Amino acid sequence: MQPLIDHAMDAANDPLAETFLDSRRVFWVRESDDAQAIAAACARASGVAVEPVDAAAGPHAALLGLNHAMTGRFEIRMALYSMGGDALAFVVLPCTDWAELDDDIGDALAQVVWELGDDLDPFEVLQTSDVIDPYLELLADNPGRYGECLAQAVADPASAHGNQYSDGSDDVMPW
């Protein structure tokens, strides 16, 4: 849990983020992974064996199913630092640890991990250039503010872009 706290408290520090992603409570999922592989990776990270509800489920549905199967014991959240790569990192912690972290460093924690939900499939929505490009642009101006940048990129991707046709001159009198 300490690598996650360190990363949350100094989210703009890349070496801390990489240390966090190497911690034993983190597992990686590719869009092509099947439900069995995801369940096995989650079991290694949590120490709890949980069978996927639907063996034919895609990665997002498999993760939601695992979260549901572990309700009250463990919870899986997505590590935002991993966005844009070939795979996404997920953190699995006991629910009591998540509750403690939410109470202690909630705002900082929300910048580095994203709670999974039915409304947003990270393998579908968050891996497209329509979201990733604005997210990375926003992140360049706001280092370490992964959660805020992602929320803004998802809600209003165009907000990341200035007027791409403007060269800084007076737009009313373009000559």
C-alpha atoms as a PDB file:
ATOM      1  CA  MET A   1       0.000   0.000   0.000  1.00  0.00           C
ATOM      2  CA  GLN A   2       2.901   2.364   0.663  1.00  0.00           C
ATOM      3  CA  PRO A   3       3.972   2.578  -3.019  1.00  0.00           C
ATOM      4  CA  LEU A   4       0.412   3.678  -3.873  1.00  0.00           C
ATOM      5  CA  ILE A   5       0.459   6.319  -1.130  1.00  0.00           C
ATOM      6  CA  ASP A   6       3.858   7.591  -2.283  1.00  0.00           C
ATOM      7  CA  HIS A   7       2.634   7.774  -5.880  1.00  0.00           C
ATOM      8  CA  ALA A   8      -0.607   9.534  -4.879  1.00  0.00           C
ATOM      9  CA  MET A   9       1.216  12.103  -2.758  1.00  0.00           C
ATOM     10  CA  ASP A  10       3.691  12.943  -5.549  1.00  0.00           C
ATOM     11  CA  ALA A  11       1.861  11.848  -8.708  1.00  0.00           C
ATOM     12  CA  ALA A  12       4.099  13.878 -11.044  1.00  0.00           C
ATOM     13  CA  ASN A  13       7.149  11.845  -9.973  1.00  0.00           C
ATOM     14  CA  ASP A  14       7.581   9.201 -12.695  1.00  0.00           C
ATOM     15  CA  PRO A  15       9.996   6.970 -10.713  1.00  0.00           C
ATOM     16  CA  LEU A  16       7.439   6.756  -7.869  1.00  0.00           C
ATOM     17  CA  ALA A  17       4.718   5.850 -10.365  1.00  0.00           C
ATOM     18  CA  GLU A  18       6.882   3.144 -11.906  1.00  0.00           C
ATOM     19  CA  THR A  19       7.733   1.741  -8.463  1.00  0.00           C
ATOM     20  CA  PHE A  20       4.020   1.648  -7.710  1.00  0.00           C
ATOM     21  CA  LEU A  21       3.271  -0.187 -10.976  1.00  0.00           C
ATOM     22  CA  ASP A  22       5.904  -2.782 -10.051  1.00  0.00           C
ATOM     23  CA  SER A  23       4.282  -3.477  -6.673  1.00  0.00           C
ATOM     24  CA  ARG A  24       2.705  -6.855  -6.016  1.00  0.00           C
ATOM     25  CA  ARG A  25      -0.858  -5.491  -5.744  1.00  0.00           C
ATOM     26  CA  VAL A  26      -0.807  -4.375  -9.392  1.00  0.00           C
ATOM     27  CA  PHE A  27      -1.667  -6.607 -12.334  1.00  0.00           C
ATOM     28  CA  TRP A  28      -1.747  -5.877 -16.040  1.00  0.00           C
ATOM     29  CA  VAL A  29      -4.533  -6.569 -18.528  1.00  0.00           C
ATOM     30  CA  ARG A  30      -4.472  -6.366 -22.314  1.00  0.00           C
ATOM     31  CA  GLU A  31      -7.604  -5.960 -24.383  1.00  0.00           C
ATOM     32  CA  SER A  32      -6.936  -9.418 -25.849  1.00  0.00           C
ATOM     33  CA  ASP A  33      -6.733 -11.174 -22.446  1.00  0.00           C
ATOM     34  CA  ASP A  34      -9.480 -13.637 -21.692  1.00  0.00           C
ATOM     35  CA  ALA A  35     -11.459 -13.761 -18.451  1.00  0.00           C
ATOM     36  CA  GLN A  36      -9.464 -16.733 -17.110  1.00  0.00           C
ATOM     37  CA  ALA A  37      -6.131 -14.930 -17.588  1.00  0.00           C
ATOM     38  CA  ILE A  38      -7.503 -11.797 -15.920  1.00  0.00           C
ATOM     39  CA  ALA A  39      -8.833 -13.821 -12.968  1.00  0.00           C
ATOM     40  CA  ALA A  40      -5.460 -15.559 -12.597  1.00  0.00           C
ATOM     41  CA  ALA A  41      -3.578 -12.240 -12.641  1.00  0.00           C
ATOM     42  CA  CYS A  42      -5.986 -10.789 -10.087  1.00  0.00           C
ATOM     43  CA  ALA A  43      -5.549 -13.871  -7.874  1.00  0.00           C
ATOM     44  CA  ARG A  44      -1.756 -13.457  -7.927  1.00  0.00           C
ATOM     45  CA  ALA A  45      -2.092  -9.787  -6.932  1.00  0.00           C
ATOM     46  CA  SER A  46      -4.742 -10.288  -4.260  1.00  0.00           C
ATOM     47  CA  GLY A  47      -3.919 -13.742  -2.948  1.00  0.00           C
ATOM     48  CA  VAL A  48      -7.584 -14.653  -3.406  1.00  0.00           C
ATOM     49  CA  ALA A  49      -8.731 -17.058  -6.103  1.00  0.00           C
ATOM     50  CA  VAL A  50     -11.931 -15.908  -7.774  1.00  0.00           C
ATOM     51  CA  GLU A  51     -13.399 -17.552 -10.846  1.00  0.00           C
ATOM     52  CA  PRO A  52     -14.778 -15.242 -13.503  1.00  0.00           C
ATOM     53  CA  VAL A  53     -18.557 -15.274 -13.714  1.00  0.00           C
ATOM     54  CA  ASP A  54     -18.514 -15.381 -17.515  1.00  0.00           C
ATOM     55  CA  ALA A  55     -15.512 -17.075 -19.091  1.00  0.00           C
ATOM     56  CA  ALA A  56     -16.361 -15.489 -22.464  1.00  0.00           C
ATOM     57  CA  ALA A  57     -16.527 -11.950 -21.038  1.00  0.00           C
ATOM     58  CA  GLY A  58     -14.322  -9.208 -22.420  1.00  0.00           C
ATOM     59  CA  PRO A  59     -11.713  -7.627 -20.137  1.00  0.00           C
ATOM     60  CA  HIS A  60     -13.941  -4.868 -18.770  1.00  0.00           C
ATOM     61  CA  ALA A  61     -16.806  -7.242 -18.016  1.00  0.00           C
ATOM     62  CA  ALA A  62     -14.354  -9.718 -16.468  1.00  0.00           C
ATOM     63  CA  LEU A  63     -12.931  -7.021 -14.170  1.00  0.00           C
ATOM     64  CA  LEU A  64     -16.424  -5.894 -13.156  1.00  0.00           C
ATOM     65  CA  GLY A  65     -17.374  -9.533 -12.500  1.00  0.00           C
ATOM     66  CA  LEU A  66     -14.295 -10.033 -10.331  1.00  0.00           C
ATOM     67  CA  ASN A  67     -15.091  -6.849  -8.398  1.00  0.00           C
ATOM     68  CA  HIS A  68     -18.624  -8.111  -7.871  1.00  0.00           C
ATOM     69  CA  ALA A  69     -17.431 -11.565  -6.780  1.00  0.00           C
ATOM     70  CA  MET A  70     -15.046  -9.992  -4.258  1.00  0.00           C
ATOM     71  CA  THR A  71     -17.559  -7.421  -2.933  1.00  0.00           C
ATOM     72  CA  GLY A  72     -16.836  -6.574   0.665  1.00  0.00           C
ATOM     73  CA  ARG A  73     -13.393  -8.188   0.605  1.00  0.00           C
ATOM     74  CA  PHE A  74     -11.346  -6.687  -2.247  1.00  0.00           C
ATOM     75  CA  GLU A  75     -11.775  -4.039  -4.913  1.00  0.00           C
ATOM     76  CA  ILE A  76     -10.015  -3.474  -8.235  1.00  0.00           C
ATOM     77  CA  ARG A  77      -9.248   0.030  -9.525  1.00  0.00           C
ATOM     78  CA  MET A  78      -7.413   1.160 -12.663  1.00  0.00           C
ATOM     79  CA  ALA A  79      -3.987   2.801 -12.328  1.00  0.00           C
ATOM     80  CA  LEU A  80      -4.190   5.948 -14.449  1.00  0.00           C
ATOM     81  CA  TYR A  81      -0.439   6.170 -15.011  1.00  0.00           C
ATOM     82  CA  SER A  82      -0.715   3.117 -17.271  1.00  0.00           C
ATOM     83  CA  MET A  83      -3.096   4.739 -19.764  1.00  0.00           C
ATOM     84  CA  GLY A  84      -1.986   4.921 -23.347  1.00  0.00           C
ATOM     85  CA  GLY A  85       0.109   1.752 -23.327  1.00  0.00           C
ATOM     86  CA  ASP A  86      -0.495  -1.717 -24.727  1.00  0.00           C
ATOM     87  CA  ALA A  87      -1.955  -2.868 -21.417  1.00  0.00           C
ATOM     88  CA  LEU A  88      -3.663  -1.226 -18.468  1.00  0.00           C
ATOM     89  CA  ALA A  89      -2.589  -1.693 -14.859  1.00  0.00           C
ATOM     90  CA  PHE A  90      -5.101  -2.495 -12.150  1.00  0.00           C
ATOM     91  CA  VAL A  91      -4.686  -2.341  -8.388  1.00  0.00           C
ATOM     92  CA  VAL A  92      -6.414  -4.805  -6.098  1.00  0.00           C
ATOM     93  CA  LEU A  93      -6.584  -4.035  -2.388  1.00  0.00           C
ATOM     94  CA  PRO A  94      -8.768  -5.093   0.519  1.00  0.00           C
ATOM     95  CA  CYS A  95     -11.860  -2.888   0.764  1.00  0.00           C
ATOM     96  CA  THR A  96     -10.748  -1.741   4.210  1.00  0.00           C
ATOM     97  CA  ASP A  97      -7.481  -0.420   2.705  1.00  0.00           C
ATOM     98  CA  TRP A  98      -9.362   1.443  -0.031  1.00  0.00           C
ATOM     99  CA  ALA A  99     -11.683   2.969   2.596  1.00  0.00           C
ATOM    100  CA  GLU A 100      -8.715   4.066   4.697  1.00  0.00           C
ATOM    101  CA  LEU A 101      -6.962   5.563   1.667  1.00  0.00           C
ATOM    102  CA  ASP A 102     -10.144   7.324   0.544  1.00  0.00           C
ATOM    103  CA  ASP A 103     -10.487   8.858   4.023  1.00  0.00           C
ATOM    104  CA  ASP A 104      -6.818   9.798   4.402  1.00  0.00           C
ATOM    105  CA  ILE A 105      -5.819  10.983   0.926  1.00  0.00           C
ATOM    106  CA  GLY A 106      -9.037  10.862  -1.112  1.00  0.00           C
ATOM    107  CA  ASP A 107      -8.284  13.807  -3.412  1.00  0.00           C
ATOM    108  CA  ALA A 108      -4.733  12.627  -4.087  1.00  0.00           C
ATOM    109  CA  LEU A 109      -5.902   9.032  -4.531  1.00  0.00           C
ATOM    110  CA  ALA A 110      -8.506  10.111  -7.097  1.00  0.00           C
ATOM    111  CA  GLN A 111      -5.683  11.535  -9.189  1.00  0.00           C
ATOM    112  CA  VAL A 112      -3.941   8.165  -9.599  1.00  0.00           C
ATOM    113  CA  VAL A 113      -6.624   5.429  -9.581  1.00  0.00           C
ATOM    114  CA  TRP A 114     -10.024   5.208 -11.233  1.00  0.00           C
ATOM    115  CA  GLU A 115     -12.921   3.207  -9.829  1.00  0.00           C
ATOM    116  CA  LEU A 116     -14.371   0.747 -12.311  1.00  0.00           C
ATOM    117  CA  GLY A 117     -17.983   1.098 -13.338  1.00  0.00           C
ATOM    118  CA  ASP A 118     -20.494   0.034 -15.948  1.00  0.00           C
ATOM    119  CA  ASP A 119     -20.517   3.447 -17.576  1.00  0.00           C
ATOM    120  CA  LEU A 120     -16.944   3.502 -18.878  1.00  0.00           C
ATOM    121  CA  ASP A 121     -15.088   0.611 -20.494  1.00  0.00           C
ATOM    122  CA  PRO A 122     -11.393   1.544 -20.231  1.00  0.00           C
ATOM    123  CA  PHE A 123     -10.460  -0.814 -23.066  1.00  0.00           C
ATOM    124  CA  GLU A 124     -12.956   0.772 -25.413  1.00  0.00           C
ATOM    125  CA  VAL A 125     -13.138   4.441 -24.459  1.00  0.00           C
ATOM    126  CA  LEU A 126      -9.804   5.167 -22.834  1.00  0.00           C
ATOM    127  CA  GLN A 127      -7.545   3.570 -25.391  1.00  0.00           C
ATOM    128  CA  THR A 128      -8.791   5.584 -28.390  1.00  0.00           C
ATOM    129  CA  SER A 129      -6.919   8.590 -29.719  1.00  0.00           C
ATOM    130  CA  ASP A 130     -10.098  10.659 -29.291  1.00  0.00           C
ATOM    131  CA  VAL A 131      -9.546  10.484 -25.519  1.00  0.00           C
ATOM    132  CA  ILE A 132      -5.845   9.650 -25.175  1.00  0.00           C
ATOM    133  CA  ASP A 133      -4.570  12.589 -27.238  1.00  0.00           C
ATOM    134  CA  PRO A 134      -6.533  15.236 -25.279  1.00  0.00           C
ATOM    135  CA  TYR A 135      -5.680  13.432 -22.018  1.00  0.00           C
ATOM    136  CA  LEU A 136      -1.951  13.541 -22.766  1.00  0.00           C
ATOM    137  CA  GLU A 137      -2.191  17.181 -23.855  1.00  0.00           C
ATOM    138  CA  LEU A 138      -4.000  18.135 -20.634  1.00  0.00           C
ATOM    139  CA  LEU A 139      -1.546  16.073 -18.593  1.00  0.00           C
ATOM    140  CA  ALA A 140       1.417  17.899 -20.160  1.00  0.00           C
ATOM    141  CA  ASP A 141       0.018  21.147 -18.728  1.00  0.00           C
ATOM    142  CA  ASN A 142      -1.011  19.548 -15.411  1.00  0.00           C
ATOM    143  CA  PRO A 143       1.624  16.939 -14.434  1.00  0.00           C
ATOM    144  CA  GLY A 144       0.389  14.356 -11.981  1.00  0.00           C
ATOM    145  CA  ARG A 145      -3.273  15.365 -12.255  1.00  0.00           C
ATOM    146  CA  TYR A 146      -4.208  12.113 -14.011  1.00  0.00           C
ATOM    147  CA  GLY A 147      -7.743  11.914 -12.619  1.00  0.00           C
ATOM    148  CA  GLU A 148      -8.709  15.495 -13.438  1.00  0.00           C
ATOM    149  CA  CYS A 149      -7.162  15.319 -16.905  1.00  0.00           C
ATOM    150  CA  LEU A 150      -8.905  12.038 -17.677  1.00  0.00           C
ATOM    151  CA  ALA A 151     -12.291  13.293 -16.483  1.00  0.00           C
ATOM    152  CA  GLN A 152     -11.920  16.401 -18.623  1.00  0.00           C
ATOM    153  CA  ALA A 153     -10.714  14.452 -21.680  1.00  0.00           C
ATOM    154  CA  VAL A 154     -13.660  12.053 -21.410  1.00  0.00           C
ATOM    155  CA  ALA A 155     -16.265  14.764 -20.779  1.00  0.00           C
ATOM    156  CA  ASP A 156     -14.977  17.331 -23.277  1.00  0.00           C
ATOM    157  CA  PRO A 157     -12.055  16.189 -25.439  1.00  0.00           C
ATOM    158  CA  ALA A 158     -12.063  19.478 -27.380  1.00  0.00           C
ATOM    159  CA  SER A 159     -11.262  21.403 -24.198  1.00  0.00           C
ATOM    160  CA  ALA A 160      -7.670  20.230 -24.461  1.00  0.00           C
ATOM    161  CA  HIS A 161      -7.126  21.873 -27.802  1.00  0.00           C
ATOM    162  CA  GLY A 162      -6.587  25.550 -28.282  1.00  0.00           C
ATOM    163  CA  ASN A 163      -7.711  27.006 -31.546  1.00  0.00           C
ATOM    164  CA  GLN A 164      -5.522  24.958 -33.855  1.00  0.00           C
ATOM    165  CA  TYR A 165      -5.758  27.581 -36.604  1.00  0.00           C
ATOM    166  CA  SER A 166      -4.650  30.449 -34.417  1.00  0.00           C
ATOM    167  CA  ASP A 167      -1.073  31.646 -34.477  1.00  0.00           C
ATOM    168  CA  GLY A 168      -1.620  34.007 -31.584  1.00  0.00           C
ATOM    169  CA  SER A 169      -2.456  36.993 -33.823  1.00  0.00           C
ATOM    170  CA  ASP A 170      -5.678  38.935 -33.725  1.00  0.00           C
ATOM    171  CA  ASP A 171      -8.399  36.572 -34.952  1.00  0.00           C
ATOM    172  CA  VAL A 172     -10.795  39.419 -35.699  1.00  0.00           C
ATOM    173  CA  MET A 173      -8.375  40.994 -38.151  1.00  0.00           C
ATOM    174  CA  PRO A 174      -6.478  37.989 -39.502  1.00  0.00           C
ATOM    175  CA  TRP A 175      -4.157  39.951 -41.769  1.00  0.00           C
END
